[in-house]
Amino acid sequence: MKNTILYFLIFFGVNTVSAQFLESKKDLQSFEGYFNFHYSPSEDKIFLEVDRLESEFLYTHFLASGLGSNDIGLDRGQIGDGVVVKFIKSGNKLLLLQPNQNFRAITENKLEKSP
């Protein structure tokens, strides 16, 4: 699974197009979690069910392997930053967006505050 490409599927309740897509794949292994996903060993692809659009969640990344203890900071098993992200739909694309949590407008001016 080194070269696995992650594909996103949007599920709004029961979506027949997505259900038909999953049924067309013969060797899918399904896994349940915060986001359910399906793995196709023959294609070496992961299909992620995204049913929580515009809902923020915590995303943490880490290195499963690396150079070991070094000055660069690429230590294997090192847990990276935890950031708040959300999936948004833009046209026919699904984007993973990290909102700016470092800015807060403390003002009465409505133009400076976020919608």
PDB file of N, CA and C in Angstrom:
ATOM      1  N   MET A   1       0.821  -1.186   0.000  1.00  0.00           N
ATOM      2  CA  MET A   1       0.000   0.000   0.000  1.00  0.00           C
ATOM      3  C   MET A   1       0.869   1.257   0.000  1.00  0.00           C
ATOM      4  N   LYS A   2       2.072   1.190  -0.484  1.00  0.00           N
ATOM      5  CA  LYS A   2       2.961   2.347  -0.478  1.00  0.00           C
ATOM      6  C   LYS A   2       2.458   3.452  -1.392  1.00  0.00           C
ATOM      7  N   ASN A   3       1.948   3.100  -2.546  1.00  0.00           N
ATOM      8  CA  ASN A   3       1.538   4.097  -3.523  1.00  0.00           C
ATOM      9  C   ASN A   3       0.030   4.279  -3.560  1.00  0.00           C
ATOM     10  N   THR A   4      -0.622   4.084  -2.427  1.00  0.00           N
ATOM     11  CA  THR A   4      -2.072   4.164  -2.378  1.00  0.00           C
ATOM     12  C   THR A   4      -2.535   5.593  -2.631  1.00  0.00           C
ATOM     13  N   ILE A   5      -3.496   5.722  -3.506  1.00  0.00           N
ATOM     14  CA  ILE A   5      -4.105   7.014  -3.796  1.00  0.00           C
ATOM     15  C   ILE A   5      -5.452   7.050  -3.079  1.00  0.00           C
ATOM     16  N   LEU A   6      -5.733   8.163  -2.413  1.00  0.00           N
ATOM     17  CA  LEU A   6      -6.966   8.300  -1.653  1.00  0.00           C
ATOM     18  C   LEU A   6      -8.013   8.977  -2.514  1.00  0.00           C
ATOM     19  N   TYR A   7      -9.129   8.329  -2.709  1.00  0.00           N
ATOM     20  CA  TYR A   7     -10.236   8.884  -3.472  1.00  0.00           C
ATOM     21  C   TYR A   7     -11.378   9.175  -2.514  1.00  0.00           C
ATOM     22  N   PHE A   8     -12.076  10.275  -2.760  1.00  0.00           N
ATOM     23  CA  PHE A   8     -13.168  10.680  -1.882  1.00  0.00           C
ATOM     24  C   PHE A   8     -14.502  10.410  -2.557  1.00  0.00           C
ATOM     25  N   LEU A   9     -15.426   9.861  -1.793  1.00  0.00           N
ATOM     26  CA  LEU A   9     -16.795   9.665  -2.236  1.00  0.00           C
ATOM     27  C   LEU A   9     -17.693  10.475  -1.312  1.00  0.00           C
ATOM     28  N   ILE A  10     -18.659  11.146  -1.869  1.00  0.00           N
ATOM     29  CA  ILE A  10     -19.562  11.940  -1.050  1.00  0.00           C
ATOM     30  C   ILE A  10     -20.847  11.142  -0.860  1.00  0.00           C
ATOM     31  N   PHE A  11     -21.219  10.925   0.383  1.00  0.00           N
ATOM     32  CA  PHE A  11     -22.440  10.205   0.702  1.00  0.00           C
ATOM     33  C   PHE A  11     -23.391  11.152   1.425  1.00  0.00           C
ATOM     34  N   PHE A  12     -24.532  11.428   0.826  1.00  0.00           N
ATOM     35  CA  PHE A  12     -25.592  12.193   1.477  1.00  0.00           C
ATOM     36  C   PHE A  12     -26.716  11.209   1.756  1.00  0.00           C
ATOM     37  N   GLY A  13     -26.732  10.623   2.952  1.00  0.00           N
ATOM     38  CA  GLY A  13     -27.706   9.588   3.243  1.00  0.00           C
ATOM     39  C   GLY A  13     -27.430   8.395   2.352  1.00  0.00           C
ATOM     40  N   VAL A  14     -28.423   7.965   1.615  1.00  0.00           N
ATOM     41  CA  VAL A  14     -28.249   6.863   0.667  1.00  0.00           C
ATOM     42  C   VAL A  14     -28.107   7.472  -0.716  1.00  0.00           C
ATOM     43  N   ASN A  15     -26.937   7.442  -1.246  1.00  0.00           N
ATOM     44  CA  ASN A  15     -26.656   8.003  -2.558  1.00  0.00           C
ATOM     45  C   ASN A  15     -26.513   6.841  -3.529  1.00  0.00           C
ATOM     46  N   THR A  16     -27.445   6.724  -4.465  1.00  0.00           N
ATOM     47  CA  THR A  16     -27.463   5.555  -5.344  1.00  0.00           C
ATOM     48  C   THR A  16     -26.259   5.529  -6.282  1.00  0.00           C
ATOM     49  N   VAL A  17     -25.780   6.710  -6.705  1.00  0.00           N
ATOM     50  CA  VAL A  17     -24.617   6.733  -7.588  1.00  0.00           C
ATOM     51  C   VAL A  17     -23.409   6.141  -6.869  1.00  0.00           C
ATOM     52  N   SER A  18     -23.179   6.555  -5.630  1.00  0.00           N
ATOM     53  CA  SER A  18     -22.050   6.030  -4.862  1.00  0.00           C
ATOM     54  C   SER A  18     -22.239   4.555  -4.556  1.00  0.00           C
ATOM     55  N   ALA A  19     -23.466   4.149  -4.238  1.00  0.00           N
ATOM     56  CA  ALA A  19     -23.731   2.740  -3.960  1.00  0.00           C
ATOM     57  C   ALA A  19     -23.467   1.894  -5.202  1.00  0.00           C
ATOM     58  N   GLN A  20     -23.872   2.394  -6.371  1.00  0.00           N
ATOM     59  CA  GLN A  20     -23.613   1.663  -7.612  1.00  0.00           C
ATOM     60  C   GLN A  20     -22.117   1.584  -7.886  1.00  0.00           C
ATOM     61  N   PHE A  21     -21.395   2.653  -7.582  1.00  0.00           N
ATOM     62  CA  PHE A  21     -19.945   2.661  -7.779  1.00  0.00           C
ATOM     63  C   PHE A  21     -19.283   1.599  -6.908  1.00  0.00           C
ATOM     64  N   LEU A  22     -19.679   1.552  -5.633  1.00  0.00           N
ATOM     65  CA  LEU A  22     -19.081   0.579  -4.719  1.00  0.00           C
ATOM     66  C   LEU A  22     -19.433  -0.847  -5.120  1.00  0.00           C
ATOM     67  N   GLU A  23     -20.650  -1.051  -5.621  1.00  0.00           N
ATOM     68  CA  GLU A  23     -21.043  -2.389  -6.056  1.00  0.00           C
ATOM     69  C   GLU A  23     -20.269  -2.823  -7.301  1.00  0.00           C
ATOM     70  N   SER A  24     -19.839  -1.867  -8.120  1.00  0.00           N
ATOM     71  CA  SER A  24     -19.105  -2.210  -9.336  1.00  0.00           C
ATOM     72  C   SER A  24     -17.686  -2.685  -9.023  1.00  0.00           C
ATOM     73  N   LYS A  25     -17.179  -2.339  -7.857  1.00  0.00           N
ATOM     74  CA  LYS A  25     -15.853  -2.802  -7.431  1.00  0.00           C
ATOM     75  C   LYS A  25     -16.008  -4.177  -6.797  1.00  0.00           C
ATOM     76  N   LYS A  26     -15.251  -5.149  -7.283  1.00  0.00           N
ATOM     77  CA  LYS A  26     -15.446  -6.542  -6.863  1.00  0.00           C
ATOM     78  C   LYS A  26     -14.750  -6.893  -5.555  1.00  0.00           C
ATOM     79  N   ASP A  27     -13.573  -6.377  -5.306  1.00  0.00           N
ATOM     80  CA  ASP A  27     -12.752  -6.869  -4.205  1.00  0.00           C
ATOM     81  C   ASP A  27     -12.580  -5.853  -3.076  1.00  0.00           C
ATOM     82  N   LEU A  28     -13.599  -5.051  -2.810  1.00  0.00           N
ATOM     83  CA  LEU A  28     -13.462  -4.022  -1.787  1.00  0.00           C
ATOM     84  C   LEU A  28     -13.502  -4.608  -0.383  1.00  0.00           C
ATOM     85  N   GLN A  29     -12.579  -4.139   0.446  1.00  0.00           N
ATOM     86  CA  GLN A  29     -12.600  -4.452   1.869  1.00  0.00           C
ATOM     87  C   GLN A  29     -13.102  -3.197   2.578  1.00  0.00           C
ATOM     88  N   SER A  30     -14.167  -3.315   3.367  1.00  0.00           N
ATOM     89  CA  SER A  30     -14.764  -2.153   4.027  1.00  0.00           C
ATOM     90  C   SER A  30     -14.284  -2.047   5.461  1.00  0.00           C
ATOM     91  N   PHE A  31     -14.055  -0.800   5.887  1.00  0.00           N
ATOM     92  CA  PHE A  31     -13.606  -0.516   7.242  1.00  0.00           C
ATOM     93  C   PHE A  31     -14.470   0.609   7.803  1.00  0.00           C
ATOM     94  N   GLU A  32     -14.923   0.448   9.043  1.00  0.00           N
ATOM     95  CA  GLU A  32     -15.754   1.460   9.682  1.00  0.00           C
ATOM     96  C   GLU A  32     -14.919   2.301  10.623  1.00  0.00           C
ATOM     97  N   GLY A  33     -15.261   3.568  10.713  1.00  0.00           N
ATOM     98  CA  GLY A  33     -14.570   4.490  11.598  1.00  0.00           C
ATOM     99  C   GLY A  33     -15.249   5.835  11.553  1.00  0.00           C
ATOM    100  N   TYR A  34     -14.548   6.876  11.988  1.00  0.00           N
ATOM    101  CA  TYR A  34     -15.114   8.222  11.925  1.00  0.00           C
ATOM    102  C   TYR A  34     -15.500   8.548  10.482  1.00  0.00           C
ATOM    103  N   PHE A  35     -14.632   8.208   9.543  1.00  0.00           N
ATOM    104  CA  PHE A  35     -14.957   8.197   8.122  1.00  0.00           C
ATOM    105  C   PHE A  35     -14.797   6.758   7.655  1.00  0.00           C
ATOM    106  N   ASN A  36     -15.884   6.145   7.195  1.00  0.00           N
ATOM    107  CA  ASN A  36     -15.789   4.793   6.653  1.00  0.00           C
ATOM    108  C   ASN A  36     -14.970   4.835   5.361  1.00  0.00           C
ATOM    109  N   PHE A  37     -14.217   3.770   5.111  1.00  0.00           N
ATOM    110  CA  PHE A  37     -13.453   3.721   3.871  1.00  0.00           C
ATOM    111  C   PHE A  37     -13.413   2.299   3.344  1.00  0.00           C
ATOM    112  N   HIS A  38     -13.089   2.194   2.064  1.00  0.00           N
ATOM    113  CA  HIS A  38     -13.046   0.914   1.369  1.00  0.00           C
ATOM    114  C   HIS A  38     -11.706   0.816   0.659  1.00  0.00           C
ATOM    115  N   TYR A  39     -11.088  -0.352   0.752  1.00  0.00           N
ATOM    116  CA  TYR A  39      -9.774  -0.572   0.137  1.00  0.00           C
ATOM    117  C   TYR A  39      -9.889  -1.619  -0.953  1.00  0.00           C
ATOM    118  N   SER A  40      -9.323  -1.317  -2.111  1.00  0.00           N
ATOM    119  CA  SER A  40      -9.278  -2.247  -3.235  1.00  0.00           C
ATOM    120  C   SER A  40      -7.838  -2.723  -3.410  1.00  0.00           C
ATOM    121  N   PRO A  41      -7.530  -3.954  -2.987  1.00  0.00           N
ATOM    122  CA  PRO A  41      -6.154  -4.456  -3.117  1.00  0.00           C
ATOM    123  C   PRO A  41      -5.686  -4.579  -4.566  1.00  0.00           C
ATOM    124  N   SER A  42      -6.591  -4.907  -5.476  1.00  0.00           N
ATOM    125  CA  SER A  42      -6.176  -5.078  -6.873  1.00  0.00           C
ATOM    126  C   SER A  42      -5.779  -3.753  -7.514  1.00  0.00           C
ATOM    127  N   GLU A  43      -6.463  -2.663  -7.129  1.00  0.00           N
ATOM    128  CA  GLU A  43      -6.134  -1.336  -7.666  1.00  0.00           C
ATOM    129  C   GLU A  43      -5.202  -0.561  -6.752  1.00  0.00           C
ATOM    130  N   ASP A  44      -5.012  -1.048  -5.527  1.00  0.00           N
ATOM    131  CA  ASP A  44      -4.220  -0.366  -4.501  1.00  0.00           C
ATOM    132  C   ASP A  44      -4.729   1.060  -4.285  1.00  0.00           C
ATOM    133  N   LYS A  45      -6.068   1.178  -4.096  1.00  0.00           N
ATOM    134  CA  LYS A  45      -6.707   2.471  -3.884  1.00  0.00           C
ATOM    135  C   LYS A  45      -7.598   2.418  -2.655  1.00  0.00           C
ATOM    136  N   ILE A  46      -7.720   3.561  -1.998  1.00  0.00           N
ATOM    137  CA  ILE A  46      -8.619   3.716  -0.857  1.00  0.00           C
ATOM    138  C   ILE A  46      -9.718   4.679  -1.264  1.00  0.00           C
ATOM    139  N   PHE A  47     -10.965   4.291  -1.015  1.00  0.00           N
ATOM    140  CA  PHE A  47     -12.122   5.132  -1.285  1.00  0.00           C
ATOM    141  C   PHE A  47     -12.723   5.550   0.050  1.00  0.00           C
ATOM    142  N   LEU A  48     -12.737   6.842   0.310  1.00  0.00           N
ATOM    143  CA  LEU A  48     -13.178   7.379   1.589  1.00  0.00           C
ATOM    144  C   LEU A  48     -14.596   7.900   1.472  1.00  0.00           C
ATOM    145  N   GLU A  49     -15.478   7.493   2.394  1.00  0.00           N
ATOM    146  CA  GLU A  49     -16.840   8.010   2.437  1.00  0.00           C
ATOM    147  C   GLU A  49     -16.837   9.296   3.252  1.00  0.00           C
ATOM    148  N   VAL A  50     -17.174  10.391   2.624  1.00  0.00           N
ATOM    149  CA  VAL A  50     -17.243  11.672   3.319  1.00  0.00           C
ATOM    150  C   VAL A  50     -18.713  12.035   3.440  1.00  0.00           C
ATOM    151  N   ASP A  51     -19.261  11.868   4.626  1.00  0.00           N
ATOM    152  CA  ASP A  51     -20.667  12.182   4.852  1.00  0.00           C
ATOM    153  C   ASP A  51     -20.845  13.367   5.798  1.00  0.00           C
ATOM    154  N   ARG A  52     -19.754  14.002   6.174  1.00  0.00           N
ATOM    155  CA  ARG A  52     -19.805  15.138   7.091  1.00  0.00           C
ATOM    156  C   ARG A  52     -19.151  16.358   6.441  1.00  0.00           C
ATOM    157  N   LEU A  53     -19.801  16.937   5.444  1.00  0.00           N
ATOM    158  CA  LEU A  53     -19.286  18.146   4.817  1.00  0.00           C
ATOM    159  C   LEU A  53     -19.466  19.327   5.757  1.00  0.00           C
ATOM    160  N   GLU A  54     -18.528  20.267   5.734  1.00  0.00           N
ATOM    161  CA  GLU A  54     -18.565  21.499   6.532  1.00  0.00           C
ATOM    162  C   GLU A  54     -18.545  21.225   8.032  1.00  0.00           C
ATOM    163  N   SER A  55     -18.145  20.032   8.435  1.00  0.00           N
ATOM    164  CA  SER A  55     -18.062  19.672   9.852  1.00  0.00           C
ATOM    165  C   SER A  55     -16.590  19.555  10.233  1.00  0.00           C
ATOM    166  N   GLU A  56     -16.165  20.359  11.206  1.00  0.00           N
ATOM    167  CA  GLU A  56     -14.751  20.385  11.584  1.00  0.00           C
ATOM    168  C   GLU A  56     -14.374  19.145  12.395  1.00  0.00           C
ATOM    169  N   PHE A  57     -13.144  18.678  12.194  1.00  0.00           N
ATOM    170  CA  PHE A  57     -12.610  17.562  12.960  1.00  0.00           C
ATOM    171  C   PHE A  57     -11.114  17.750  13.117  1.00  0.00           C
ATOM    172  N   LEU A  58     -10.531  17.010  14.039  1.00  0.00           N
ATOM    173  CA  LEU A  58      -9.104  17.115  14.317  1.00  0.00           C
ATOM    174  C   LEU A  58      -8.333  16.156  13.424  1.00  0.00           C
ATOM    175  N   TYR A  59      -7.336  16.676  12.719  1.00  0.00           N
ATOM    176  CA  TYR A  59      -6.488  15.889  11.822  1.00  0.00           C
ATOM    177  C   TYR A  59      -5.066  15.911  12.370  1.00  0.00           C
ATOM    178  N   THR A  60      -4.499  14.741  12.585  1.00  0.00           N
ATOM    179  CA  THR A  60      -3.129  14.617  13.083  1.00  0.00           C
ATOM    180  C   THR A  60      -2.338  13.771  12.103  1.00  0.00           C
ATOM    181  N   HIS A  61      -1.141  14.203  11.791  1.00  0.00           N
ATOM    182  CA  HIS A  61      -0.293  13.437  10.875  1.00  0.00           C
ATOM    183  C   HIS A  61       0.955  12.973  11.612  1.00  0.00           C
ATOM    184  N   PHE A  62       1.547  11.901  11.089  1.00  0.00           N
ATOM    185  CA  PHE A  62       2.765  11.367  11.693  1.00  0.00           C
ATOM    186  C   PHE A  62       3.539  10.603  10.643  1.00  0.00           C
ATOM    187  N   LEU A  63       4.769  10.315  10.935  1.00  0.00           N
ATOM    188  CA  LEU A  63       5.621   9.536  10.038  1.00  0.00           C
ATOM    189  C   LEU A  63       5.652   8.089  10.500  1.00  0.00           C
ATOM    190  N   ALA A  64       5.241   7.192   9.626  1.00  0.00           N
ATOM    191  CA  ALA A  64       5.315   5.768   9.954  1.00  0.00           C
ATOM    192  C   ALA A  64       6.754   5.278   9.877  1.00  0.00           C
ATOM    193  N   SER A  65       7.534   5.907   9.014  1.00  0.00           N
ATOM    194  CA  SER A  65       8.946   5.568   8.904  1.00  0.00           C
ATOM    195  C   SER A  65       9.708   6.857   8.643  1.00  0.00           C
ATOM    196  N   GLY A  66      10.991   6.831   8.884  1.00  0.00           N
ATOM    197  CA  GLY A  66      11.781   8.036   8.678  1.00  0.00           C
ATOM    198  C   GLY A  66      13.252   7.759   8.855  1.00  0.00           C
ATOM    199  N   LEU A  67      14.002   8.816   9.044  1.00  0.00           N
ATOM    200  CA  LEU A  67      15.453   8.713   9.142  1.00  0.00           C
ATOM    201  C   LEU A  67      15.939   8.309  10.528  1.00  0.00           C
ATOM    202  N   GLY A  68      15.056   8.280  11.493  1.00  0.00           N
ATOM    203  CA  GLY A  68      15.477   8.021  12.868  1.00  0.00           C
ATOM    204  C   GLY A  68      15.757   9.329  13.565  1.00  0.00           C
ATOM    205  N   SER A  69      16.459   9.293  14.654  1.00  0.00           N
ATOM    206  CA  SER A  69      16.763  10.513  15.396  1.00  0.00           C
ATOM    207  C   SER A  69      17.784  11.333  14.611  1.00  0.00           C
ATOM    208  N   ASN A  70      17.388  12.565  14.246  1.00  0.00           N
ATOM    209  CA  ASN A  70      18.271  13.402  13.432  1.00  0.00           C
ATOM    210  C   ASN A  70      17.954  14.872  13.671  1.00  0.00           C
ATOM    211  N   ASP A  71      18.770  15.732  13.096  1.00  0.00           N
ATOM    212  CA  ASP A  71      18.586  17.172  13.260  1.00  0.00           C
ATOM    213  C   ASP A  71      17.473  17.729  12.387  1.00  0.00           C
ATOM    214  N   ILE A  72      17.101  17.014  11.351  1.00  0.00           N
ATOM    215  CA  ILE A  72      16.062  17.491  10.431  1.00  0.00           C
ATOM    216  C   ILE A  72      14.691  17.445  11.090  1.00  0.00           C
ATOM    217  N   GLY A  73      14.478  16.526  12.004  1.00  0.00           N
ATOM    218  CA  GLY A  73      13.191  16.394  12.672  1.00  0.00           C
ATOM    219  C   GLY A  73      12.275  15.372  12.034  1.00  0.00           C
ATOM    220  N   LEU A  74      12.806  14.512  11.170  1.00  0.00           N
ATOM    221  CA  LEU A  74      12.004  13.471  10.527  1.00  0.00           C
ATOM    222  C   LEU A  74      12.158  12.151  11.277  1.00  0.00           C
ATOM    223  N   ASP A  75      11.843  12.173  12.557  1.00  0.00           N
ATOM    224  CA  ASP A  75      11.972  10.980  13.381  1.00  0.00           C
ATOM    225  C   ASP A  75      10.805  10.039  13.124  1.00  0.00           C
ATOM    226  N   ARG A  76      11.107   8.763  12.916  1.00  0.00           N
ATOM    227  CA  ARG A  76      10.039   7.794  12.679  1.00  0.00           C
ATOM    228  C   ARG A  76       9.168   7.653  13.934  1.00  0.00           C
ATOM    229  N   GLY A  77       7.875   7.558  13.694  1.00  0.00           N
ATOM    230  CA  GLY A  77       6.920   7.436  14.783  1.00  0.00           C
ATOM    231  C   GLY A  77       6.600   8.755  15.461  1.00  0.00           C
ATOM    232  N   GLN A  78       7.196   9.846  15.026  1.00  0.00           N
ATOM    233  CA  GLN A  78       6.955  11.147  15.641  1.00  0.00           C
ATOM    234  C   GLN A  78       5.574  11.657  15.242  1.00  0.00           C
ATOM    235  N   ILE A  79       4.802  12.085  16.226  1.00  0.00           N
ATOM    236  CA  ILE A  79       3.473  12.626  15.959  1.00  0.00           C
ATOM    237  C   ILE A  79       3.612  14.091  15.588  1.00  0.00           C
ATOM    238  N   GLY A  80       2.983  14.490  14.488  1.00  0.00           N
ATOM    239  CA  GLY A  80       3.035  15.866  14.017  1.00  0.00           C
ATOM    240  C   GLY A  80       1.990  16.725  14.690  1.00  0.00           C
ATOM    241  N   ASP A  81       1.745  17.862  14.091  1.00  0.00           N
ATOM    242  CA  ASP A  81       0.765  18.792  14.632  1.00  0.00           C
ATOM    243  C   ASP A  81      -0.644  18.253  14.466  1.00  0.00           C
ATOM    244  N   GLY A  82      -1.508  18.639  15.383  1.00  0.00           N
ATOM    245  CA  GLY A  82      -2.933  18.379  15.259  1.00  0.00           C
ATOM    246  C   GLY A  82      -3.586  19.669  14.795  1.00  0.00           C
ATOM    247  N   VAL A  83      -4.324  19.613  13.712  1.00  0.00           N
ATOM    248  CA  VAL A  83      -4.969  20.804  13.173  1.00  0.00           C
ATOM    249  C   VAL A  83      -6.452  20.537  12.972  1.00  0.00           C
ATOM    250  N   VAL A  84      -7.240  21.591  13.030  1.00  0.00           N
ATOM    251  CA  VAL A  84      -8.673  21.501  12.777  1.00  0.00           C
ATOM    252  C   VAL A  84      -8.887  21.669  11.279  1.00  0.00           C
ATOM    253  N   VAL A  85      -9.595  20.724  10.663  1.00  0.00           N
ATOM    254  CA  VAL A  85      -9.867  20.758   9.227  1.00  0.00           C
ATOM    255  C   VAL A  85     -11.332  20.404   8.984  1.00  0.00           C
ATOM    256  N   LYS A  86     -11.783  20.622   7.749  1.00  0.00           N
ATOM    257  CA  LYS A  86     -13.132  20.219   7.349  1.00  0.00           C
ATOM    258  C   LYS A  86     -13.139  19.977   5.854  1.00  0.00           C
ATOM    259  N   PHE A  87     -14.026  19.102   5.407  1.00  0.00           N
ATOM    260  CA  PHE A  87     -14.217  18.869   3.987  1.00  0.00           C
ATOM    261  C   PHE A  87     -15.241  19.867   3.467  1.00  0.00           C
ATOM    262  N   ILE A  88     -14.939  20.484   2.319  1.00  0.00           N
ATOM    263  CA  ILE A  88     -15.895  21.357   1.648  1.00  0.00           C
ATOM    264  C   ILE A  88     -15.992  20.921   0.202  1.00  0.00           C
ATOM    265  N   LYS A  89     -17.152  21.164  -0.395  1.00  0.00           N
ATOM    266  CA  LYS A  89     -17.348  20.821  -1.800  1.00  0.00           C
ATOM    267  C   LYS A  89     -17.255  22.109  -2.605  1.00  0.00           C
ATOM    268  N   SER A  90     -16.434  22.089  -3.650  1.00  0.00           N
ATOM    269  CA  SER A  90     -16.258  23.233  -4.542  1.00  0.00           C
ATOM    270  C   SER A  90     -16.401  22.729  -5.973  1.00  0.00           C
ATOM    271  N   GLY A  91     -17.563  22.978  -6.557  1.00  0.00           N
ATOM    272  CA  GLY A  91     -17.833  22.445  -7.895  1.00  0.00           C
ATOM    273  C   GLY A  91     -17.914  20.942  -7.835  1.00  0.00           C
ATOM    274  N   ASN A  92     -17.122  20.265  -8.653  1.00  0.00           N
ATOM    275  CA  ASN A  92     -17.104  18.800  -8.612  1.00  0.00           C
ATOM    276  C   ASN A  92     -15.904  18.275  -7.838  1.00  0.00           C
ATOM    277  N   LYS A  93     -15.275  19.133  -7.052  1.00  0.00           N
ATOM    278  CA  LYS A  93     -14.108  18.753  -6.247  1.00  0.00           C
ATOM    279  C   LYS A  93     -14.478  18.703  -4.769  1.00  0.00           C
ATOM    280  N   LEU A  94     -13.755  17.887  -4.045  1.00  0.00           N
ATOM    281  CA  LEU A  94     -13.879  17.806  -2.594  1.00  0.00           C
ATOM    282  C   LEU A  94     -12.544  18.242  -2.011  1.00  0.00           C
ATOM    283  N   LEU A  95     -12.562  19.297  -1.200  1.00  0.00           N
ATOM    284  CA  LEU A  95     -11.335  19.872  -0.665  1.00  0.00           C
ATOM    285  C   LEU A  95     -11.257  19.669   0.833  1.00  0.00           C
ATOM    286  N   LEU A  96     -10.059  19.456   1.338  1.00  0.00           N
ATOM    287  CA  LEU A  96      -9.807  19.406   2.768  1.00  0.00           C
ATOM    288  C   LEU A  96      -9.242  20.774   3.147  1.00  0.00           C
ATOM    289  N   LEU A  97     -10.005  21.541   3.918  1.00  0.00           N
ATOM    290  CA  LEU A  97      -9.678  22.919   4.231  1.00  0.00           C
ATOM    291  C   LEU A  97      -9.279  23.053   5.692  1.00  0.00           C
ATOM    292  N   GLN A  98      -8.198  23.783   5.939  1.00  0.00           N
ATOM    293  CA  GLN A  98      -7.781  24.098   7.302  1.00  0.00           C
ATOM    294  C   GLN A  98      -8.116  25.562   7.572  1.00  0.00           C
ATOM    295  N   PRO A  99      -9.179  25.824   8.352  1.00  0.00           N
ATOM    296  CA  PRO A  99      -9.523  27.215   8.648  1.00  0.00           C
ATOM    297  C   PRO A  99      -8.424  27.888   9.470  1.00  0.00           C
ATOM    298  N   ASN A 100      -8.284  29.190   9.288  1.00  0.00           N
ATOM    299  CA  ASN A 100      -7.288  29.954  10.027  1.00  0.00           C
ATOM    300  C   ASN A 100      -7.772  30.137  11.460  1.00  0.00           C
ATOM    301  N   GLN A 101      -7.161  29.432  12.393  1.00  0.00           N
ATOM    302  CA  GLN A 101      -7.538  29.513  13.811  1.00  0.00           C
ATOM    303  C   GLN A 101      -6.693  30.539  14.557  1.00  0.00           C
ATOM    304  N   ASN A 102      -5.756  31.183  13.875  1.00  0.00           N
ATOM    305  CA  ASN A 102      -4.840  32.113  14.529  1.00  0.00           C
ATOM    306  C   ASN A 102      -5.268  33.561  14.426  1.00  0.00           C
ATOM    307  N   PHE A 103      -6.429  33.837  13.871  1.00  0.00           N
ATOM    308  CA  PHE A 103      -6.874  35.207  13.702  1.00  0.00           C
ATOM    309  C   PHE A 103      -8.248  35.373  14.336  1.00  0.00           C
ATOM    310  N   ARG A 104      -8.409  36.452  15.074  1.00  0.00           N
ATOM    311  CA  ARG A 104      -9.711  36.769  15.653  1.00  0.00           C
ATOM    312  C   ARG A 104      -9.878  38.275  15.588  1.00  0.00           C
ATOM    313  N   ALA A 105     -10.955  38.725  14.977  1.00  0.00           N
ATOM    314  CA  ALA A 105     -11.215  40.162  14.872  1.00  0.00           C
ATOM    315  C   ALA A 105     -11.997  40.604  16.098  1.00  0.00           C
ATOM    316  N   ILE A 106     -11.376  41.407  16.921  1.00  0.00           N
ATOM    317  CA  ILE A 106     -12.053  41.974  18.090  1.00  0.00           C
ATOM    318  C   ILE A 106     -12.362  43.425  17.738  1.00  0.00           C
ATOM    319  N   THR A 107     -13.490  43.602  17.077  1.00  0.00           N
ATOM    320  CA  THR A 107     -13.865  44.919  16.596  1.00  0.00           C
ATOM    321  C   THR A 107     -15.373  44.977  16.401  1.00  0.00           C
ATOM    322  N   GLU A 108     -15.887  46.157  16.268  1.00  0.00           N
ATOM    323  CA  GLU A 108     -17.308  46.330  15.978  1.00  0.00           C
ATOM    324  C   GLU A 108     -17.553  46.447  14.465  1.00  0.00           C
ATOM    325  N   ASN A 109     -16.486  46.539  13.669  1.00  0.00           N
ATOM    326  CA  ASN A 109     -16.607  46.662  12.226  1.00  0.00           C
ATOM    327  C   ASN A 109     -17.014  45.311  11.634  1.00  0.00           C
ATOM    328  N   LYS A 110     -18.200  45.242  11.014  1.00  0.00           N
ATOM    329  CA  LYS A 110     -18.722  43.980  10.468  1.00  0.00           C
ATOM    330  C   LYS A 110     -17.875  43.487   9.300  1.00  0.00           C
ATOM    331  N   LEU A 111     -17.192  44.357   8.583  1.00  0.00           N
ATOM    332  CA  LEU A 111     -16.376  43.946   7.453  1.00  0.00           C
ATOM    333  C   LEU A 111     -15.125  43.181   7.877  1.00  0.00           C
ATOM    334  N   GLU A 112     -14.690  43.383   9.106  1.00  0.00           N
ATOM    335  CA  GLU A 112     -13.495  42.695   9.597  1.00  0.00           C
ATOM    336  C   GLU A 112     -13.809  41.347  10.214  1.00  0.00           C
ATOM    337  N   LYS A 113     -15.057  41.122  10.530  1.00  0.00           N
ATOM    338  CA  LYS A 113     -15.440  39.852  11.128  1.00  0.00           C
ATOM    339  C   LYS A 113     -15.794  38.857  10.037  1.00  0.00           C
ATOM    340  N   SER A 114     -15.519  37.585  10.292  1.00  0.00           N
ATOM    341  CA  SER A 114     -15.852  36.553   9.309  1.00  0.00           C
ATOM    342  C   SER A 114     -17.350  36.296   9.317  1.00  0.00           C
ATOM    343  N   PRO A 115     -17.908  35.871   8.194  1.00  0.00           N
ATOM    344  CA  PRO A 115     -19.365  35.639   8.111  1.00  0.00           C
ATOM    345  C   PRO A 115     -19.821  34.509   8.996  1.00  0.00           C
TER     346      PRO A 115
END
